[in-house]
Amino acid sequence: MKEQITTLELDKCYRVKYESISWCIRVYEEFLFGKYSSLTAIRVDNSGINTRELLMPDSYQDSKYNVQEISHSEFMHEFRTKRNEINKLIRKISN
């Protein structure tokens, strides 16, 4: 069993579960505002790919969230799978 994460970190990938839904994120940018910070992540979920998900490092501290670190390759697999689904849909509606 992978360790439960409570604080998100730059350059890491995570799988987040909340009740019956789940998504993957990759944190790729951090903005510092004095003692506060904000993170930017790519989010892959059932509805698509969001390239500008804005988060706080402690966004998922609530016990209702199950957050586990995943490998970069696991995140990229999820990303490519969703991208391929989107491309197929675009081709289908373009014809």
N, C-alpha and C. Protein backbone atom coordinates (compact mmCIF):
# COMPACT_ATOMS: atom_id res chain seq x y z
N MET A 1 0.84 -1.18 0.00
CA MET A 1 0.00 0.00 0.00
C MET A 1 0.89 1.24 0.00
N LYS A 2 0.59 2.17 -0.88
CA LYS A 2 1.36 3.40 -0.96
C LYS A 2 0.97 4.34 0.18
N GLU A 3 1.93 5.19 0.55
CA GLU A 3 1.72 6.12 1.66
C GLU A 3 0.72 7.23 1.30
N GLN A 4 -0.16 7.56 2.24
CA GLN A 4 -1.11 8.66 2.08
C GLN A 4 -0.36 9.99 2.13
N ILE A 5 -0.61 10.85 1.16
CA ILE A 5 0.06 12.15 1.05
C ILE A 5 -0.87 13.25 1.57
N THR A 6 -0.33 14.21 2.32
CA THR A 6 -1.14 15.34 2.79
C THR A 6 -0.66 16.67 2.23
N THR A 7 0.59 16.74 1.75
CA THR A 7 1.12 17.97 1.19
C THR A 7 1.69 17.70 -0.20
N LEU A 8 1.21 18.45 -1.19
CA LEU A 8 1.67 18.29 -2.56
C LEU A 8 3.01 18.99 -2.75
N GLU A 9 3.86 18.41 -3.62
CA GLU A 9 5.19 18.96 -3.86
C GLU A 9 5.44 19.15 -5.34
N LEU A 10 6.31 20.10 -5.65
CA LEU A 10 6.69 20.41 -7.02
C LEU A 10 7.35 19.20 -7.69
N ASP A 11 7.07 19.00 -8.97
CA ASP A 11 7.66 17.94 -9.81
C ASP A 11 7.27 16.53 -9.38
N LYS A 12 6.13 16.39 -8.73
CA LYS A 12 5.66 15.06 -8.34
C LYS A 12 4.28 14.81 -8.94
N CYS A 13 3.94 13.53 -9.06
CA CYS A 13 2.66 13.11 -9.63
C CYS A 13 1.86 12.39 -8.56
N TYR A 14 0.54 12.56 -8.62
CA TYR A 14 -0.34 11.99 -7.60
C TYR A 14 -1.62 11.45 -8.22
N ARG A 15 -2.16 10.42 -7.56
CA ARG A 15 -3.51 9.95 -7.87
C ARG A 15 -4.37 10.37 -6.68
N VAL A 16 -5.47 11.07 -6.97
CA VAL A 16 -6.37 11.57 -5.93
C VAL A 16 -7.70 10.85 -6.07
N LYS A 17 -8.20 10.32 -4.97
CA LYS A 17 -9.52 9.68 -4.96
C LYS A 17 -10.41 10.41 -3.96
N TYR A 18 -11.63 10.64 -4.40
CA TYR A 18 -12.63 11.27 -3.54
C TYR A 18 -13.94 10.52 -3.77
N GLU A 19 -14.38 9.81 -2.76
CA GLU A 19 -15.56 8.96 -2.86
C GLU A 19 -15.42 8.03 -4.05
N SER A 20 -16.26 8.14 -5.08
CA SER A 20 -16.21 7.18 -6.19
C SER A 20 -15.47 7.72 -7.42
N ILE A 21 -14.87 8.90 -7.33
CA ILE A 21 -14.16 9.45 -8.48
C ILE A 21 -12.67 9.56 -8.19
N SER A 22 -11.88 9.57 -9.26
CA SER A 22 -10.44 9.72 -9.08
C SER A 22 -9.86 10.50 -10.26
N TRP A 23 -8.69 11.07 -10.04
CA TRP A 23 -7.99 11.80 -11.08
C TRP A 23 -6.51 11.78 -10.76
N CYS A 24 -5.70 12.13 -11.76
CA CYS A 24 -4.26 12.21 -11.59
C CYS A 24 -3.81 13.64 -11.82
N ILE A 25 -2.80 14.05 -11.08
CA ILE A 25 -2.23 15.38 -11.27
C ILE A 25 -0.71 15.29 -11.30
N ARG A 26 -0.11 16.22 -12.03
CA ARG A 26 1.34 16.39 -12.03
C ARG A 26 1.62 17.86 -11.72
N VAL A 27 2.27 18.12 -10.60
CA VAL A 27 2.58 19.49 -10.18
C VAL A 27 3.83 19.93 -10.93
N TYR A 28 3.71 21.02 -11.71
CA TYR A 28 4.85 21.44 -12.52
C TYR A 28 5.32 22.87 -12.27
N GLU A 29 4.64 23.62 -11.43
CA GLU A 29 5.04 25.00 -11.21
C GLU A 29 4.64 25.43 -9.80
N GLU A 30 5.48 26.25 -9.19
CA GLU A 30 5.18 26.76 -7.85
C GLU A 30 5.40 28.28 -7.83
N PHE A 31 4.43 28.99 -7.27
CA PHE A 31 4.54 30.44 -7.09
C PHE A 31 4.61 30.73 -5.60
N LEU A 32 5.60 31.50 -5.21
CA LEU A 32 5.75 31.87 -3.80
C LEU A 32 5.27 33.29 -3.59
N PHE A 33 4.42 33.46 -2.57
CA PHE A 33 3.90 34.76 -2.18
C PHE A 33 4.22 34.97 -0.71
N GLY A 34 5.42 35.44 -0.44
CA GLY A 34 5.84 35.57 0.96
C GLY A 34 5.93 34.20 1.59
N LYS A 35 5.14 33.96 2.63
CA LYS A 35 5.18 32.65 3.30
C LYS A 35 4.18 31.67 2.70
N TYR A 36 3.42 32.10 1.70
CA TYR A 36 2.42 31.24 1.05
C TYR A 36 2.91 30.79 -0.32
N SER A 37 2.38 29.67 -0.78
CA SER A 37 2.72 29.21 -2.12
C SER A 37 1.48 28.67 -2.82
N SER A 38 1.53 28.70 -4.13
CA SER A 38 0.47 28.17 -4.96
C SER A 38 1.11 27.25 -5.99
N LEU A 39 0.44 26.17 -6.32
CA LEU A 39 0.96 25.19 -7.27
C LEU A 39 0.10 25.16 -8.53
N THR A 40 0.74 24.88 -9.65
CA THR A 40 0.03 24.68 -10.91
C THR A 40 0.27 23.24 -11.32
N ALA A 41 -0.80 22.57 -11.74
CA ALA A 41 -0.70 21.16 -12.09
C ALA A 41 -1.49 20.86 -13.35
N ILE A 42 -1.13 19.75 -13.99
CA ILE A 42 -1.93 19.18 -15.06
C ILE A 42 -2.83 18.15 -14.40
N ARG A 43 -4.12 18.22 -14.71
CA ARG A 43 -5.09 17.28 -14.13
C ARG A 43 -5.69 16.44 -15.25
N VAL A 44 -5.69 15.12 -15.06
CA VAL A 44 -6.31 14.19 -16.01
C VAL A 44 -7.42 13.47 -15.26
N ASP A 45 -8.65 13.59 -15.78
CA ASP A 45 -9.78 12.91 -15.16
C ASP A 45 -10.74 12.40 -16.23
N ASN A 46 -11.90 11.91 -15.82
CA ASN A 46 -12.86 11.36 -16.78
C ASN A 46 -13.33 12.37 -17.80
N SER A 47 -13.36 13.64 -17.43
CA SER A 47 -13.89 14.66 -18.34
C SER A 47 -12.85 15.24 -19.29
N GLY A 48 -11.58 14.99 -19.05
CA GLY A 48 -10.57 15.51 -19.97
C GLY A 48 -9.25 15.84 -19.29
N ILE A 49 -8.54 16.79 -19.90
CA ILE A 49 -7.23 17.21 -19.43
C ILE A 49 -7.28 18.71 -19.15
N ASN A 50 -6.91 19.10 -17.95
CA ASN A 50 -6.85 20.51 -17.57
C ASN A 50 -5.38 20.84 -17.34
N THR A 51 -4.84 21.75 -18.15
CA THR A 51 -3.41 22.06 -18.04
C THR A 51 -3.09 23.17 -17.05
N ARG A 52 -4.10 23.76 -16.44
CA ARG A 52 -3.87 24.86 -15.49
C ARG A 52 -4.68 24.68 -14.21
N GLU A 53 -4.52 23.57 -13.56
CA GLU A 53 -5.19 23.32 -12.28
C GLU A 53 -4.41 24.06 -11.19
N LEU A 54 -5.04 25.03 -10.54
CA LEU A 54 -4.38 25.80 -9.49
C LEU A 54 -4.70 25.19 -8.13
N LEU A 55 -3.67 24.92 -7.35
CA LEU A 55 -3.82 24.24 -6.06
C LEU A 55 -2.96 24.90 -5.00
N MET A 56 -3.32 24.66 -3.77
CA MET A 56 -2.46 25.00 -2.64
C MET A 56 -1.76 23.69 -2.24
N PRO A 57 -0.57 23.77 -1.66
CA PRO A 57 0.12 22.53 -1.27
C PRO A 57 -0.71 21.63 -0.36
N ASP A 58 -1.62 22.22 0.43
CA ASP A 58 -2.42 21.43 1.36
C ASP A 58 -3.87 21.25 0.88
N SER A 59 -4.11 21.37 -0.41
CA SER A 59 -5.47 21.28 -0.97
C SER A 59 -6.20 20.00 -0.60
N TYR A 60 -5.48 18.91 -0.46
CA TYR A 60 -6.11 17.61 -0.23
C TYR A 60 -5.87 17.08 1.18
N GLN A 61 -5.74 17.95 2.17
CA GLN A 61 -5.51 17.50 3.54
C GLN A 61 -6.74 16.89 4.18
N ASP A 62 -7.91 17.22 3.68
CA ASP A 62 -9.16 16.67 4.22
C ASP A 62 -9.10 15.14 4.14
N SER A 63 -9.54 14.47 5.19
CA SER A 63 -9.47 13.00 5.23
C SER A 63 -10.37 12.33 4.19
N LYS A 64 -11.27 13.08 3.56
CA LYS A 64 -12.12 12.51 2.52
C LYS A 64 -11.33 12.21 1.24
N TYR A 65 -10.17 12.87 1.09
CA TYR A 65 -9.32 12.64 -0.08
C TYR A 65 -8.31 11.55 0.23
N ASN A 66 -8.11 10.66 -0.72
CA ASN A 66 -7.05 9.67 -0.62
C ASN A 66 -6.03 10.04 -1.70
N VAL A 67 -4.86 10.51 -1.29
CA VAL A 67 -3.84 10.99 -2.22
C VAL A 67 -2.61 10.11 -2.10
N GLN A 68 -2.17 9.57 -3.24
CA GLN A 68 -0.98 8.74 -3.25
C GLN A 68 -0.05 9.20 -4.36
N GLU A 69 1.24 9.21 -4.07
CA GLU A 69 2.21 9.56 -5.10
C GLU A 69 2.29 8.43 -6.11
N ILE A 70 2.37 8.79 -7.39
CA ILE A 70 2.53 7.81 -8.45
C ILE A 70 3.77 8.19 -9.26
N SER A 71 4.23 7.27 -10.08
CA SER A 71 5.41 7.54 -10.89
C SER A 71 5.06 8.46 -12.06
N HIS A 72 6.08 9.09 -12.59
CA HIS A 72 5.89 9.95 -13.76
C HIS A 72 5.36 9.11 -14.94
N SER A 73 5.87 7.90 -15.09
CA SER A 73 5.42 7.05 -16.20
C SER A 73 3.95 6.64 -16.04
N GLU A 74 3.50 6.42 -14.82
CA GLU A 74 2.09 6.10 -14.59
C GLU A 74 1.20 7.30 -14.94
N PHE A 75 1.65 8.50 -14.55
CA PHE A 75 0.90 9.70 -14.91
C PHE A 75 0.85 9.86 -16.43
N MET A 76 2.00 9.68 -17.09
CA MET A 76 2.04 9.84 -18.55
C MET A 76 1.17 8.82 -19.26
N HIS A 77 1.06 7.62 -18.70
CA HIS A 77 0.16 6.62 -19.28
C HIS A 77 -1.29 7.13 -19.23
N GLU A 78 -1.71 7.66 -18.09
CA GLU A 78 -3.06 8.21 -17.95
C GLU A 78 -3.26 9.39 -18.91
N PHE A 79 -2.26 10.25 -19.01
CA PHE A 79 -2.33 11.42 -19.87
C PHE A 79 -2.48 11.01 -21.34
N ARG A 80 -1.63 10.08 -21.79
CA ARG A 80 -1.69 9.64 -23.19
C ARG A 80 -2.99 8.92 -23.51
N THR A 81 -3.47 8.13 -22.58
CA THR A 81 -4.74 7.42 -22.79
C THR A 81 -5.87 8.42 -22.99
N LYS A 82 -5.95 9.44 -22.14
CA LYS A 82 -7.00 10.45 -22.27
C LYS A 82 -6.81 11.27 -23.54
N ARG A 83 -5.58 11.61 -23.87
CA ARG A 83 -5.30 12.36 -25.10
C ARG A 83 -5.76 11.58 -26.33
N ASN A 84 -5.48 10.27 -26.34
CA ASN A 84 -5.91 9.43 -27.47
C ASN A 84 -7.43 9.38 -27.57
N GLU A 85 -8.13 9.30 -26.44
CA GLU A 85 -9.60 9.32 -26.45
C GLU A 85 -10.12 10.63 -27.05
N ILE A 86 -9.51 11.73 -26.65
CA ILE A 86 -9.92 13.04 -27.16
C ILE A 86 -9.66 13.14 -28.66
N ASN A 87 -8.49 12.68 -29.11
CA ASN A 87 -8.17 12.72 -30.54
C ASN A 87 -9.13 11.87 -31.36
N LYS A 88 -9.52 10.70 -30.85
CA LYS A 88 -10.50 9.86 -31.56
C LYS A 88 -11.84 10.57 -31.68
N LEU A 89 -12.25 11.22 -30.62
CA LEU A 89 -13.52 11.96 -30.65
C LEU A 89 -13.46 13.11 -31.64
N ILE A 90 -12.34 13.82 -31.68
CA ILE A 90 -12.18 14.92 -32.64
C ILE A 90 -12.26 14.40 -34.07
N ARG A 91 -11.58 13.28 -34.36
CA ARG A 91 -11.64 12.70 -35.71
C ARG A 91 -13.06 12.28 -36.05
N LYS A 92 -13.76 11.72 -35.08
CA LYS A 92 -15.13 11.24 -35.32
C LYS A 92 -16.07 12.40 -35.65
N ILE A 93 -15.98 13.49 -34.91
CA ILE A 93 -16.90 14.61 -35.17
C ILE A 93 -16.45 15.48 -36.33
N SER A 94 -15.21 15.31 -36.79
CA SER A 94 -14.71 16.09 -37.92
C SER A 94 -15.12 15.49 -39.26
N ASN A 95 -15.53 14.25 -39.27
CA ASN A 95 -15.89 13.58 -40.54
C ASN A 95 -17.32 13.80 -40.91
